[in-house]
Amino acid sequence: MVDDKQQVRDVVWERMRQGAFRFPGPVGRIPHFPGAERAAERLAETDEWRAAATIKCNPDSPQLPVRTRALADAKRLYMAVPKLAEPRPFVLIDPRRLEVSPRAAASIKGAMDHGRPV
């Protein structure tokens, strides 16, 4: 099974190298990709999304639409601090307390400015 997973990874990384990604590129990170917005829309159509009051998300670029949608849908959002580099490795963003748009709060800077370290 490990070999199968590695084969899939190799195919995906090769496609990424051929241009199936968006800035900042795939090396050393979760790559941004065309379709990230549509993936967030599809996620929001699931029963699990509708039932959730809280979402945990990473700070990588392809997840920005997910974070934005979570806040727009009035879900509490836990976001990992980039590189988990702080003593409190997550930020809690409560949509009920926001004084900025969900999009602004969903960015890394916005989360750090408007969220609460936990």
PDB file of N, CA and C in Angstrom:
ATOM      1  N   MET A   1       0.821  -1.197   0.000  1.00  0.00           N
ATOM      2  CA  MET A   1       0.000   0.000   0.000  1.00  0.00           C
ATOM      3  C   MET A   1       0.867   1.263   0.000  1.00  0.00           C
ATOM      4  N   VAL A   2       1.972   1.228   0.723  1.00  0.00           N
ATOM      5  CA  VAL A   2       2.871   2.376   0.748  1.00  0.00           C
ATOM      6  C   VAL A   2       3.373   2.680  -0.655  1.00  0.00           C
ATOM      7  N   ASP A   3       3.714   1.627  -1.411  1.00  0.00           N
ATOM      8  CA  ASP A   3       4.172   1.826  -2.780  1.00  0.00           C
ATOM      9  C   ASP A   3       3.083   2.447  -3.645  1.00  0.00           C
ATOM     10  N   ASP A   4       1.824   2.018  -3.462  1.00  0.00           N
ATOM     11  CA  ASP A   4       0.709   2.591  -4.218  1.00  0.00           C
ATOM     12  C   ASP A   4       0.558   4.073  -3.916  1.00  0.00           C
ATOM     13  N   LYS A   5       0.623   4.425  -2.627  1.00  0.00           N
ATOM     14  CA  LYS A   5       0.510   5.838  -2.248  1.00  0.00           C
ATOM     15  C   LYS A   5       1.646   6.643  -2.864  1.00  0.00           C
ATOM     16  N   GLN A   6       2.850   6.089  -2.829  1.00  0.00           N
ATOM     17  CA  GLN A   6       3.992   6.810  -3.388  1.00  0.00           C
ATOM     18  C   GLN A   6       3.835   6.995  -4.889  1.00  0.00           C
ATOM     19  N   GLN A   7       3.296   5.988  -5.567  1.00  0.00           N
ATOM     20  CA  GLN A   7       3.075   6.117  -7.008  1.00  0.00           C
ATOM     21  C   GLN A   7       2.085   7.242  -7.303  1.00  0.00           C
ATOM     22  N   VAL A   8       1.016   7.319  -6.528  1.00  0.00           N
ATOM     23  CA  VAL A   8       0.042   8.398  -6.709  1.00  0.00           C
ATOM     24  C   VAL A   8       0.715   9.743  -6.447  1.00  0.00           C
ATOM     25  N   ARG A   9       1.470   9.840  -5.356  1.00  0.00           N
ATOM     26  CA  ARG A   9       2.183  11.094  -5.058  1.00  0.00           C
ATOM     27  C   ARG A   9       3.089  11.493  -6.221  1.00  0.00           C
ATOM     28  N   ASP A  10       3.836  10.522  -6.749  1.00  0.00           N
ATOM     29  CA  ASP A  10       4.756  10.817  -7.843  1.00  0.00           C
ATOM     30  C   ASP A  10       4.021  11.367  -9.057  1.00  0.00           C
ATOM     31  N   VAL A  11       2.872  10.777  -9.390  1.00  0.00           N
ATOM     32  CA  VAL A  11       2.080  11.260 -10.527  1.00  0.00           C
ATOM     33  C   VAL A  11       1.595  12.684 -10.263  1.00  0.00           C
ATOM     34  N   VAL A  12       1.068  12.923  -9.069  1.00  0.00           N
ATOM     35  CA  VAL A  12       0.555  14.258  -8.729  1.00  0.00           C
ATOM     36  C   VAL A  12       1.679  15.280  -8.763  1.00  0.00           C
ATOM     37  N   TRP A  13       2.821  14.973  -8.150  1.00  0.00           N
ATOM     38  CA  TRP A  13       3.932  15.933  -8.137  1.00  0.00           C
ATOM     39  C   TRP A  13       4.435  16.210  -9.549  1.00  0.00           C
ATOM     40  N   GLU A  14       4.453  15.196 -10.410  1.00  0.00           N
ATOM     41  CA  GLU A  14       4.886  15.422 -11.786  1.00  0.00           C
ATOM     42  C   GLU A  14       3.921  16.362 -12.501  1.00  0.00           C
ATOM     43  N   ARG A  15       2.627  16.174 -12.299  1.00  0.00           N
ATOM     44  CA  ARG A  15       1.647  17.086 -12.909  1.00  0.00           C
ATOM     45  C   ARG A  15       1.827  18.497 -12.370  1.00  0.00           C
ATOM     46  N   MET A  16       2.120  18.610 -11.092  1.00  0.00           N
ATOM     47  CA  MET A  16       2.358  19.926 -10.496  1.00  0.00           C
ATOM     48  C   MET A  16       3.565  20.587 -11.154  1.00  0.00           C
ATOM     49  N   ARG A  17       4.623  19.806 -11.343  1.00  0.00           N
ATOM     50  CA  ARG A  17       5.819  20.366 -11.982  1.00  0.00           C
ATOM     51  C   ARG A  17       5.506  20.845 -13.396  1.00  0.00           C
ATOM     52  N   GLN A  18       4.530  20.222 -14.045  1.00  0.00           N
ATOM     53  CA  GLN A  18       4.165  20.589 -15.410  1.00  0.00           C
ATOM     54  C   GLN A  18       3.193  21.763 -15.463  1.00  0.00           C
ATOM     55  N   GLY A  19       2.874  22.330 -14.312  1.00  0.00           N
ATOM     56  CA  GLY A  19       2.072  23.542 -14.323  1.00  0.00           C
ATOM     57  C   GLY A  19       0.684  23.447 -13.748  1.00  0.00           C
ATOM     58  N   ALA A  20       0.302  22.346 -13.149  1.00  0.00           N
ATOM     59  CA  ALA A  20      -1.050  22.212 -12.593  1.00  0.00           C
ATOM     60  C   ALA A  20      -1.099  22.731 -11.162  1.00  0.00           C
ATOM     61  N   PHE A  21      -0.561  23.936 -10.956  1.00  0.00           N
ATOM     62  CA  PHE A  21      -0.596  24.557  -9.641  1.00  0.00           C
ATOM     63  C   PHE A  21      -0.634  26.065  -9.806  1.00  0.00           C
ATOM     64  N   ARG A  22      -0.894  26.754  -8.724  1.00  0.00           N
ATOM     65  CA  ARG A  22      -0.903  28.206  -8.716  1.00  0.00           C
ATOM     66  C   ARG A  22       0.164  28.684  -7.745  1.00  0.00           C
ATOM     67  N   PHE A  23       0.522  29.954  -7.843  1.00  0.00           N
ATOM     68  CA  PHE A  23       1.488  30.542  -6.923  1.00  0.00           C
ATOM     69  C   PHE A  23       1.058  30.228  -5.499  1.00  0.00           C
ATOM     70  N   PRO A  24       1.922  29.852  -4.606  1.00  0.00           N
ATOM     71  CA  PRO A  24       3.375  29.969  -4.631  1.00  0.00           C
ATOM     72  C   PRO A  24       4.100  28.724  -5.116  1.00  0.00           C
ATOM     73  N   GLY A  25       3.450  27.773  -5.676  1.00  0.00           N
ATOM     74  CA  GLY A  25       4.129  26.591  -6.189  1.00  0.00           C
ATOM     75  C   GLY A  25       4.144  25.453  -5.188  1.00  0.00           C
ATOM     76  N   PRO A  26       4.494  24.261  -5.675  1.00  0.00           N
ATOM     77  CA  PRO A  26       4.307  23.076  -4.860  1.00  0.00           C
ATOM     78  C   PRO A  26       5.452  22.684  -3.939  1.00  0.00           C
ATOM     79  N   VAL A  27       6.625  23.229  -4.122  1.00  0.00           N
ATOM     80  CA  VAL A  27       7.783  22.701  -3.411  1.00  0.00           C
ATOM     81  C   VAL A  27       7.732  23.047  -1.930  1.00  0.00           C
ATOM     82  N   GLY A  28       7.744  22.026  -1.093  1.00  0.00           N
ATOM     83  CA  GLY A  28       7.828  22.209   0.347  1.00  0.00           C
ATOM     84  C   GLY A  28       6.568  22.703   1.027  1.00  0.00           C
ATOM     85  N   ARG A  29       5.438  22.619   0.372  1.00  0.00           N
ATOM     86  CA  ARG A  29       4.188  23.109   0.961  1.00  0.00           C
ATOM     87  C   ARG A  29       3.008  22.391   0.330  1.00  0.00           C
ATOM     88  N   ILE A  30       1.836  22.640   0.882  1.00  0.00           N
ATOM     89  CA  ILE A  30       0.624  22.159   0.230  1.00  0.00           C
ATOM     90  C   ILE A  30       0.379  23.100  -0.945  1.00  0.00           C
ATOM     91  N   PRO A  31       0.411  22.606  -2.170  1.00  0.00           N
ATOM     92  CA  PRO A  31       0.340  23.502  -3.323  1.00  0.00           C
ATOM     93  C   PRO A  31      -1.056  24.067  -3.561  1.00  0.00           C
ATOM     94  N   HIS A  32      -1.077  25.316  -3.998  1.00  0.00           N
ATOM     95  CA  HIS A  32      -2.325  25.924  -4.429  1.00  0.00           C
ATOM     96  C   HIS A  32      -2.630  25.346  -5.810  1.00  0.00           C
ATOM     97  N   PHE A  33      -3.892  25.206  -6.144  1.00  0.00           N
ATOM     98  CA  PHE A  33      -4.233  24.558  -7.403  1.00  0.00           C
ATOM     99  C   PHE A  33      -5.489  25.176  -7.989  1.00  0.00           C
ATOM    100  N   PRO A  34      -5.600  25.159  -9.331  1.00  0.00           N
ATOM    101  CA  PRO A  34      -6.843  25.592  -9.945  1.00  0.00           C
ATOM    102  C   PRO A  34      -7.963  24.680  -9.445  1.00  0.00           C
ATOM    103  N   GLY A  35      -9.056  25.259  -9.052  1.00  0.00           N
ATOM    104  CA  GLY A  35     -10.156  24.455  -8.554  1.00  0.00           C
ATOM    105  C   GLY A  35     -10.292  24.471  -7.045  1.00  0.00           C
ATOM    106  N   ALA A  36      -9.394  25.180  -6.345  1.00  0.00           N
ATOM    107  CA  ALA A  36      -9.486  25.242  -4.881  1.00  0.00           C
ATOM    108  C   ALA A  36     -10.815  25.861  -4.453  1.00  0.00           C
ATOM    109  N   GLU A  37     -11.263  26.870  -5.173  1.00  0.00           N
ATOM    110  CA  GLU A  37     -12.536  27.512  -4.830  1.00  0.00           C
ATOM    111  C   GLU A  37     -13.698  26.541  -5.016  1.00  0.00           C
ATOM    112  N   ARG A  38     -13.674  25.801  -6.118  1.00  0.00           N
ATOM    113  CA  ARG A  38     -14.742  24.828  -6.377  1.00  0.00           C
ATOM    114  C   ARG A  38     -14.702  23.700  -5.346  1.00  0.00           C
ATOM    115  N   ALA A  39     -13.514  23.304  -4.946  1.00  0.00           N
ATOM    116  CA  ALA A  39     -13.401  22.265  -3.917  1.00  0.00           C
ATOM    117  C   ALA A  39     -14.042  22.739  -2.616  1.00  0.00           C
ATOM    118  N   ALA A  40     -13.841  24.015  -2.268  1.00  0.00           N
ATOM    119  CA  ALA A  40     -14.459  24.568  -1.054  1.00  0.00           C
ATOM    120  C   ALA A  40     -15.982  24.590  -1.191  1.00  0.00           C
ATOM    121  N   GLU A  41     -16.465  24.943  -2.375  1.00  0.00           N
ATOM    122  CA  GLU A  41     -17.916  24.938  -2.602  1.00  0.00           C
ATOM    123  C   GLU A  41     -18.480  23.525  -2.447  1.00  0.00           C
ATOM    124  N   ARG A  42     -17.787  22.556  -2.997  1.00  0.00           N
ATOM    125  CA  ARG A  42     -18.259  21.164  -2.903  1.00  0.00           C
ATOM    126  C   ARG A  42     -18.252  20.681  -1.462  1.00  0.00           C
ATOM    127  N   LEU A  43     -17.225  21.066  -0.716  1.00  0.00           N
ATOM    128  CA  LEU A  43     -17.167  20.702   0.698  1.00  0.00           C
ATOM    129  C   LEU A  43     -18.370  21.269   1.438  1.00  0.00           C
ATOM    130  N   ALA A  44     -18.699  22.529   1.148  1.00  0.00           N
ATOM    131  CA  ALA A  44     -19.813  23.196   1.830  1.00  0.00           C
ATOM    132  C   ALA A  44     -21.170  22.588   1.479  1.00  0.00           C
ATOM    133  N   GLU A  45     -21.233  21.785   0.432  1.00  0.00           N
ATOM    134  CA  GLU A  45     -22.482  21.122   0.044  1.00  0.00           C
ATOM    135  C   GLU A  45     -22.710  19.806   0.784  1.00  0.00           C
ATOM    136  N   THR A  46     -21.739  19.376   1.580  1.00  0.00           N
ATOM    137  CA  THR A  46     -21.869  18.078   2.254  1.00  0.00           C
ATOM    138  C   THR A  46     -22.686  18.191   3.538  1.00  0.00           C
ATOM    139  N   ASP A  47     -23.286  17.073   3.917  1.00  0.00           N
ATOM    140  CA  ASP A  47     -24.035  17.023   5.177  1.00  0.00           C
ATOM    141  C   ASP A  47     -23.120  17.282   6.365  1.00  0.00           C
ATOM    142  N   GLU A  48     -21.899  16.788   6.282  1.00  0.00           N
ATOM    143  CA  GLU A  48     -20.950  16.981   7.381  1.00  0.00           C
ATOM    144  C   GLU A  48     -20.651  18.459   7.597  1.00  0.00           C
ATOM    145  N   TRP A  49     -20.501  19.201   6.507  1.00  0.00           N
ATOM    146  CA  TRP A  49     -20.253  20.639   6.616  1.00  0.00           C
ATOM    147  C   TRP A  49     -21.454  21.333   7.253  1.00  0.00           C
ATOM    148  N   ARG A  50     -22.618  21.027   6.745  1.00  0.00           N
ATOM    149  CA  ARG A  50     -23.828  21.675   7.265  1.00  0.00           C
ATOM    150  C   ARG A  50     -24.023  21.386   8.749  1.00  0.00           C
ATOM    151  N   ALA A  51     -23.645  20.197   9.198  1.00  0.00           N
ATOM    152  CA  ALA A  51     -23.824  19.815  10.606  1.00  0.00           C
ATOM    153  C   ALA A  51     -22.754  20.400  11.525  1.00  0.00           C
ATOM    154  N   ALA A  52     -21.640  20.806  10.973  1.00  0.00           N
ATOM    155  CA  ALA A  52     -20.515  21.267  11.798  1.00  0.00           C
ATOM    156  C   ALA A  52     -20.721  22.693  12.297  1.00  0.00           C
ATOM    157  N   ALA A  53     -20.408  22.915  13.551  1.00  0.00           N
ATOM    158  CA  ALA A  53     -20.412  24.265  14.126  1.00  0.00           C
ATOM    159  C   ALA A  53     -19.003  24.829  14.176  1.00  0.00           C
ATOM    160  N   THR A  54     -18.016  23.946  14.096  1.00  0.00           N
ATOM    161  CA  THR A  54     -16.610  24.329  14.200  1.00  0.00           C
ATOM    162  C   THR A  54     -15.827  23.617  13.110  1.00  0.00           C
ATOM    163  N   ILE A  55     -14.881  24.340  12.517  1.00  0.00           N
ATOM    164  CA  ILE A  55     -14.026  23.796  11.464  1.00  0.00           C
ATOM    165  C   ILE A  55     -12.575  24.016  11.877  1.00  0.00           C
ATOM    166  N   LYS A  56     -11.728  23.023  11.633  1.00  0.00           N
ATOM    167  CA  LYS A  56     -10.282  23.170  11.823  1.00  0.00           C
ATOM    168  C   LYS A  56      -9.665  23.152  10.441  1.00  0.00           C
ATOM    169  N   CYS A  57      -8.789  24.109  10.163  1.00  0.00           N
ATOM    170  CA  CYS A  57      -8.235  24.244   8.827  1.00  0.00           C
ATOM    171  C   CYS A  57      -6.771  24.652   8.922  1.00  0.00           C
ATOM    172  N   ASN A  58      -5.999  24.311   7.913  1.00  0.00           N
ATOM    173  CA  ASN A  58      -4.605  24.744   7.921  1.00  0.00           C
ATOM    174  C   ASN A  58      -4.469  26.107   7.247  1.00  0.00           C
ATOM    175  N   PRO A  59      -3.317  26.761   7.397  1.00  0.00           N
ATOM    176  CA  PRO A  59      -3.160  28.114   6.861  1.00  0.00           C
ATOM    177  C   PRO A  59      -2.701  28.170   5.405  1.00  0.00           C
ATOM    178  N   ASP A  60      -2.613  27.050   4.728  1.00  0.00           N
ATOM    179  CA  ASP A  60      -2.095  27.047   3.366  1.00  0.00           C
ATOM    180  C   ASP A  60      -3.067  27.692   2.381  1.00  0.00           C
ATOM    181  N   SER A  61      -2.504  28.241   1.303  1.00  0.00           N
ATOM    182  CA  SER A  61      -3.276  28.987   0.302  1.00  0.00           C
ATOM    183  C   SER A  61      -4.494  28.253  -0.246  1.00  0.00           C
ATOM    184  N   PRO A  62      -4.401  26.958  -0.589  1.00  0.00           N
ATOM    185  CA  PRO A  62      -5.576  26.317  -1.167  1.00  0.00           C
ATOM    186  C   PRO A  62      -6.743  26.197  -0.201  1.00  0.00           C
ATOM    187  N   GLN A  63      -6.492  26.415   1.082  1.00  0.00           N
ATOM    188  CA  GLN A  63      -7.563  26.297   2.068  1.00  0.00           C
ATOM    189  C   GLN A  63      -8.202  27.652   2.401  1.00  0.00           C
ATOM    190  N   LEU A  64      -7.696  28.738   1.821  1.00  0.00           N
ATOM    191  CA  LEU A  64      -8.299  30.055   2.063  1.00  0.00           C
ATOM    192  C   LEU A  64      -9.791  30.065   1.728  1.00  0.00           C
ATOM    193  N   PRO A  65     -10.231  29.499   0.599  1.00  0.00           N
ATOM    194  CA  PRO A  65     -11.679  29.487   0.336  1.00  0.00           C
ATOM    195  C   PRO A  65     -12.473  28.697   1.379  1.00  0.00           C
ATOM    196  N   VAL A  66     -11.891  27.648   1.935  1.00  0.00           N
ATOM    197  CA  VAL A  66     -12.569  26.874   2.982  1.00  0.00           C
ATOM    198  C   VAL A  66     -12.699  27.722   4.241  1.00  0.00           C
ATOM    199  N   ARG A  67     -11.611  28.400   4.622  1.00  0.00           N
ATOM    200  CA  ARG A  67     -11.655  29.248   5.824  1.00  0.00           C
ATOM    201  C   ARG A  67     -12.670  30.374   5.649  1.00  0.00           C
ATOM    202  N   THR A  68     -12.665  31.001   4.476  1.00  0.00           N
ATOM    203  CA  THR A  68     -13.604  32.093   4.202  1.00  0.00           C
ATOM    204  C   THR A  68     -15.040  31.595   4.285  1.00  0.00           C
ATOM    205  N   ARG A  69     -15.306  30.455   3.675  1.00  0.00           N
ATOM    206  CA  ARG A  69     -16.663  29.902   3.682  1.00  0.00           C
ATOM    207  C   ARG A  69     -17.100  29.538   5.097  1.00  0.00           C
ATOM    208  N   ALA A  70     -16.189  28.982   5.886  1.00  0.00           N
ATOM    209  CA  ALA A  70     -16.528  28.622   7.266  1.00  0.00           C
ATOM    210  C   ALA A  70     -16.987  29.854   8.037  1.00  0.00           C
ATOM    211  N   LEU A  71     -16.253  30.939   7.925  1.00  0.00           N
ATOM    212  CA  LEU A  71     -16.629  32.161   8.646  1.00  0.00           C
ATOM    213  C   LEU A  71     -17.918  32.757   8.081  1.00  0.00           C
ATOM    214  N   ALA A  72     -18.069  32.735   6.760  1.00  0.00           N
ATOM    215  CA  ALA A  72     -19.297  33.252   6.142  1.00  0.00           C
ATOM    216  C   ALA A  72     -20.518  32.439   6.571  1.00  0.00           C
ATOM    217  N   ASP A  73     -20.303  31.151   6.835  1.00  0.00           N
ATOM    218  CA  ASP A  73     -21.390  30.274   7.288  1.00  0.00           C
ATOM    219  C   ASP A  73     -21.528  30.269   8.809  1.00  0.00           C
ATOM    220  N   ALA A  74     -20.884  31.229   9.468  1.00  0.00           N
ATOM    221  CA  ALA A  74     -20.976  31.416  10.930  1.00  0.00           C
ATOM    222  C   ALA A  74     -20.447  30.221  11.724  1.00  0.00           C
ATOM    223  N   LYS A  75     -19.403  29.582  11.184  1.00  0.00           N
ATOM    224  CA  LYS A  75     -18.768  28.479  11.900  1.00  0.00           C
ATOM    225  C   LYS A  75     -17.514  28.996  12.602  1.00  0.00           C
ATOM    226  N   ARG A  76     -17.291  28.535  13.839  1.00  0.00           N
ATOM    227  CA  ARG A  76     -16.039  28.873  14.506  1.00  0.00           C
ATOM    228  C   ARG A  76     -14.916  28.187  13.745  1.00  0.00           C
ATOM    229  N   LEU A  77     -13.799  28.893  13.612  1.00  0.00           N
ATOM    230  CA  LEU A  77     -12.690  28.386  12.817  1.00  0.00           C
ATOM    231  C   LEU A  77     -11.429  28.312  13.662  1.00  0.00           C
ATOM    232  N   TYR A  78     -10.857  27.117  13.730  1.00  0.00           N
ATOM    233  CA  TYR A  78      -9.532  26.940  14.311  1.00  0.00           C
ATOM    234  C   TYR A  78      -8.559  26.826  13.150  1.00  0.00           C
ATOM    235  N   MET A  79      -7.537  27.667  13.160  1.00  0.00           N
ATOM    236  CA  MET A  79      -6.514  27.612  12.122  1.00  0.00           C
ATOM    237  C   MET A  79      -5.170  27.400  12.784  1.00  0.00           C
ATOM    238  N   ALA A  80      -4.390  26.478  12.251  1.00  0.00           N
ATOM    239  CA  ALA A  80      -3.046  26.264  12.763  1.00  0.00           C
ATOM    240  C   ALA A  80      -2.208  27.509  12.504  1.00  0.00           C
ATOM    241  N   VAL A  81      -1.376  27.861  13.465  1.00  0.00           N
ATOM    242  CA  VAL A  81      -0.420  28.950  13.271  1.00  0.00           C
ATOM    243  C   VAL A  81       0.593  28.459  12.239  1.00  0.00           C
ATOM    244  N   PRO A  82       0.990  29.312  11.271  1.00  0.00           N
ATOM    245  CA  PRO A  82       1.946  28.847  10.265  1.00  0.00           C
ATOM    246  C   PRO A  82       3.165  28.185  10.909  1.00  0.00           C
ATOM    247  N   LYS A  83       3.486  27.011  10.413  1.00  0.00           N
ATOM    248  CA  LYS A  83       4.608  26.189  10.873  1.00  0.00           C
ATOM    249  C   LYS A  83       4.489  25.804  12.341  1.00  0.00           C
ATOM    250  N   LEU A  84       3.303  25.984  12.919  1.00  0.00           N
ATOM    251  CA  LEU A  84       3.067  25.683  14.338  1.00  0.00           C
ATOM    252  C   LEU A  84       4.172  26.297  15.192  1.00  0.00           C
ATOM    253  N   ALA A  85       4.551  27.535  14.851  1.00  0.00           N
ATOM    254  CA  ALA A  85       5.731  28.181  15.422  1.00  0.00           C
ATOM    255  C   ALA A  85       5.474  28.960  16.704  1.00  0.00           C
ATOM    256  N   GLU A  86       4.295  28.925  17.236  1.00  0.00           N
ATOM    257  CA  GLU A  86       3.976  29.684  18.448  1.00  0.00           C
ATOM    258  C   GLU A  86       3.703  28.730  19.609  1.00  0.00           C
ATOM    259  N   PRO A  87       3.845  29.231  20.856  1.00  0.00           N
ATOM    260  CA  PRO A  87       3.522  28.382  22.015  1.00  0.00           C
ATOM    261  C   PRO A  87       2.073  27.898  21.985  1.00  0.00           C
ATOM    262  N   ARG A  88       1.182  28.728  21.488  1.00  0.00           N
ATOM    263  CA  ARG A  88      -0.213  28.335  21.274  1.00  0.00           C
ATOM    264  C   ARG A  88      -0.363  28.102  19.773  1.00  0.00           C
ATOM    265  N   PRO A  89      -0.414  26.853  19.335  1.00  0.00           N
ATOM    266  CA  PRO A  89      -0.275  26.548  17.913  1.00  0.00           C
ATOM    267  C   PRO A  89      -1.519  26.740  17.049  1.00  0.00           C
ATOM    268  N   PHE A  90      -2.607  27.241  17.636  1.00  0.00           N
ATOM    269  CA  PHE A  90      -3.817  27.483  16.850  1.00  0.00           C
ATOM    270  C   PHE A  90      -4.367  28.865  17.151  1.00  0.00           C
ATOM    271  N   VAL A  91      -5.184  29.356  16.234  1.00  0.00           N
ATOM    272  CA  VAL A  91      -5.912  30.607  16.411  1.00  0.00           C
ATOM    273  C   VAL A  91      -7.393  30.264  16.269  1.00  0.00           C
ATOM    274  N   LEU A  92      -8.210  30.749  17.188  1.00  0.00           N
ATOM    275  CA  LEU A  92      -9.661  30.582  17.105  1.00  0.00           C
ATOM    276  C   LEU A  92     -10.245  31.878  16.574  1.00  0.00           C
ATOM    277  N   ILE A  93     -10.978  31.775  15.475  1.00  0.00           N
ATOM    278  CA  ILE A  93     -11.648  32.934  14.892  1.00  0.00           C
ATOM    279  C   ILE A  93     -13.144  32.704  15.065  1.00  0.00           C
ATOM    280  N   ASP A  94     -13.754  33.580  15.830  1.00  0.00           N
ATOM    281  CA  ASP A  94     -15.182  33.471  16.129  1.00  0.00           C
ATOM    282  C   ASP A  94     -15.930  34.439  15.217  1.00  0.00           C
ATOM    283  N   PRO A  95     -16.743  33.943  14.283  1.00  0.00           N
ATOM    284  CA  PRO A  95     -17.413  34.832  13.335  1.00  0.00           C
ATOM    285  C   PRO A  95     -18.349  35.836  13.998  1.00  0.00           C
ATOM    286  N   ARG A  96     -18.818  35.534  15.206  1.00  0.00           N
ATOM    287  CA  ARG A  96     -19.718  36.466  15.901  1.00  0.00           C
ATOM    288  C   ARG A  96     -18.980  37.699  16.404  1.00  0.00           C
ATOM    289  N   ARG A  97     -17.669  37.634  16.482  1.00  0.00           N
ATOM    290  CA  ARG A  97     -16.880  38.744  17.025  1.00  0.00           C
ATOM    291  C   ARG A  97     -16.110  39.517  15.960  1.00  0.00           C
ATOM    292  N   LEU A  98     -16.302  39.170  14.715  1.00  0.00           N
ATOM    293  CA  LEU A  98     -15.518  39.797  13.651  1.00  0.00           C
ATOM    294  C   LEU A  98     -15.990  41.208  13.345  1.00  0.00           C
ATOM    295  N   GLU A  99     -15.016  42.076  13.128  1.00  0.00           N
ATOM    296  CA  GLU A  99     -15.299  43.445  12.694  1.00  0.00           C
ATOM    297  C   GLU A  99     -14.795  43.667  11.277  1.00  0.00           C
ATOM    298  N   VAL A 100     -14.390  42.581  10.627  1.00  0.00           N
ATOM    299  CA  VAL A 100     -13.931  42.617   9.237  1.00  0.00           C
ATOM    300  C   VAL A 100     -14.683  41.530   8.478  1.00  0.00           C
ATOM    301  N   SER A 101     -14.525  41.510   7.165  1.00  0.00           N
ATOM    302  CA  SER A 101     -15.209  40.505   6.350  1.00  0.00           C
ATOM    303  C   SER A 101     -14.643  39.110   6.621  1.00  0.00           C
ATOM    304  N   PRO A 102     -15.427  38.075   6.334  1.00  0.00           N
ATOM    305  CA  PRO A 102     -14.894  36.719   6.471  1.00  0.00           C
ATOM    306  C   PRO A 102     -13.615  36.511   5.661  1.00  0.00           C
ATOM    307  N   ARG A 103     -13.569  37.065   4.460  1.00  0.00           N
ATOM    308  CA  ARG A 103     -12.367  36.922   3.619  1.00  0.00           C
ATOM    309  C   ARG A 103     -11.152  37.547   4.292  1.00  0.00           C
ATOM    310  N   ALA A 104     -11.310  38.739   4.860  1.00  0.00           N
ATOM    311  CA  ALA A 104     -10.180  39.406   5.523  1.00  0.00           C
ATOM    312  C   ALA A 104      -9.724  38.616   6.740  1.00  0.00           C
ATOM    313  N   ALA A 105     -10.655  38.099   7.505  1.00  0.00           N
ATOM    314  CA  ALA A 105     -10.311  37.339   8.713  1.00  0.00           C
ATOM    315  C   ALA A 105      -9.722  35.976   8.377  1.00  0.00           C
ATOM    316  N   ALA A 106     -10.026  35.442   7.206  1.00  0.00           N
ATOM    317  CA  ALA A 106      -9.562  34.108   6.832  1.00  0.00           C
ATOM    318  C   ALA A 106      -8.120  34.087   6.343  1.00  0.00           C
ATOM    319  N   SER A 107      -7.570  35.245   6.005  1.00  0.00           N
ATOM    320  CA  SER A 107      -6.168  35.285   5.589  1.00  0.00           C
ATOM    321  C   SER A 107      -5.280  35.013   6.797  1.00  0.00           C
ATOM    322  N   ILE A 108      -4.037  34.669   6.563  1.00  0.00           N
ATOM    323  CA  ILE A 108      -3.130  34.415   7.686  1.00  0.00           C
ATOM    324  C   ILE A 108      -3.009  35.658   8.549  1.00  0.00           C
ATOM    325  N   LYS A 109      -2.765  36.807   7.932  1.00  0.00           N
ATOM    326  CA  LYS A 109      -2.644  38.050   8.703  1.00  0.00           C
ATOM    327  C   LYS A 109      -3.945  38.358   9.430  1.00  0.00           C
ATOM    328  N   GLY A 110      -5.066  38.209   8.740  1.00  0.00           N
ATOM    329  CA  GLY A 110      -6.361  38.477   9.358  1.00  0.00           C
ATOM    330  C   GLY A 110      -6.636  37.566  10.535  1.00  0.00           C
ATOM    331  N   ALA A 111      -6.292  36.301  10.391  1.00  0.00           N
ATOM    332  CA  ALA A 111      -6.500  35.355  11.493  1.00  0.00           C
ATOM    333  C   ALA A 111      -5.652  35.737  12.695  1.00  0.00           C
ATOM    334  N   MET A 112      -4.417  36.128  12.434  1.00  0.00           N
ATOM    335  CA  MET A 112      -3.533  36.509  13.539  1.00  0.00           C
ATOM    336  C   MET A 112      -4.010  37.808  14.194  1.00  0.00           C
ATOM    337  N   ASP A 113      -4.570  38.718  13.397  1.00  0.00           N
ATOM    338  CA  ASP A 113      -5.051  40.003  13.930  1.00  0.00           C
ATOM    339  C   ASP A 113      -6.397  39.885  14.630  1.00  0.00           C
ATOM    340  N   HIS A 114      -7.280  39.020  14.138  1.00  0.00           N
ATOM    341  CA  HIS A 114      -8.659  38.986  14.629  1.00  0.00           C
ATOM    342  C   HIS A 114      -9.022  37.709  15.379  1.00  0.00           C
ATOM    343  N   GLY A 115      -8.104  36.773  15.417  1.00  0.00           N
ATOM    344  CA  GLY A 115      -8.345  35.534  16.142  1.00  0.00           C
ATOM    345  C   GLY A 115      -7.721  35.576  17.532  1.00  0.00           C
ATOM    346  N   ARG A 116      -7.997  34.539  18.280  1.00  0.00           N
ATOM    347  CA  ARG A 116      -7.462  34.417  19.642  1.00  0.00           C
ATOM    348  C   ARG A 116      -6.563  33.188  19.697  1.00  0.00           C
ATOM    349  N   PRO A 117      -5.290  33.362  20.101  1.00  0.00           N
ATOM    350  CA  PRO A 117      -4.394  32.202  20.200  1.00  0.00           C
ATOM    351  C   PRO A 117      -4.912  31.187  21.216  1.00  0.00           C
ATOM    352  N   VAL A 118      -4.854  29.927  20.845  1.00  0.00           N
ATOM    353  CA  VAL A 118      -5.249  28.845  21.754  1.00  0.00           C
ATOM    354  C   VAL A 118      -4.244  27.700  21.657  1.00  0.00           C
TER     355      VAL A 118
END
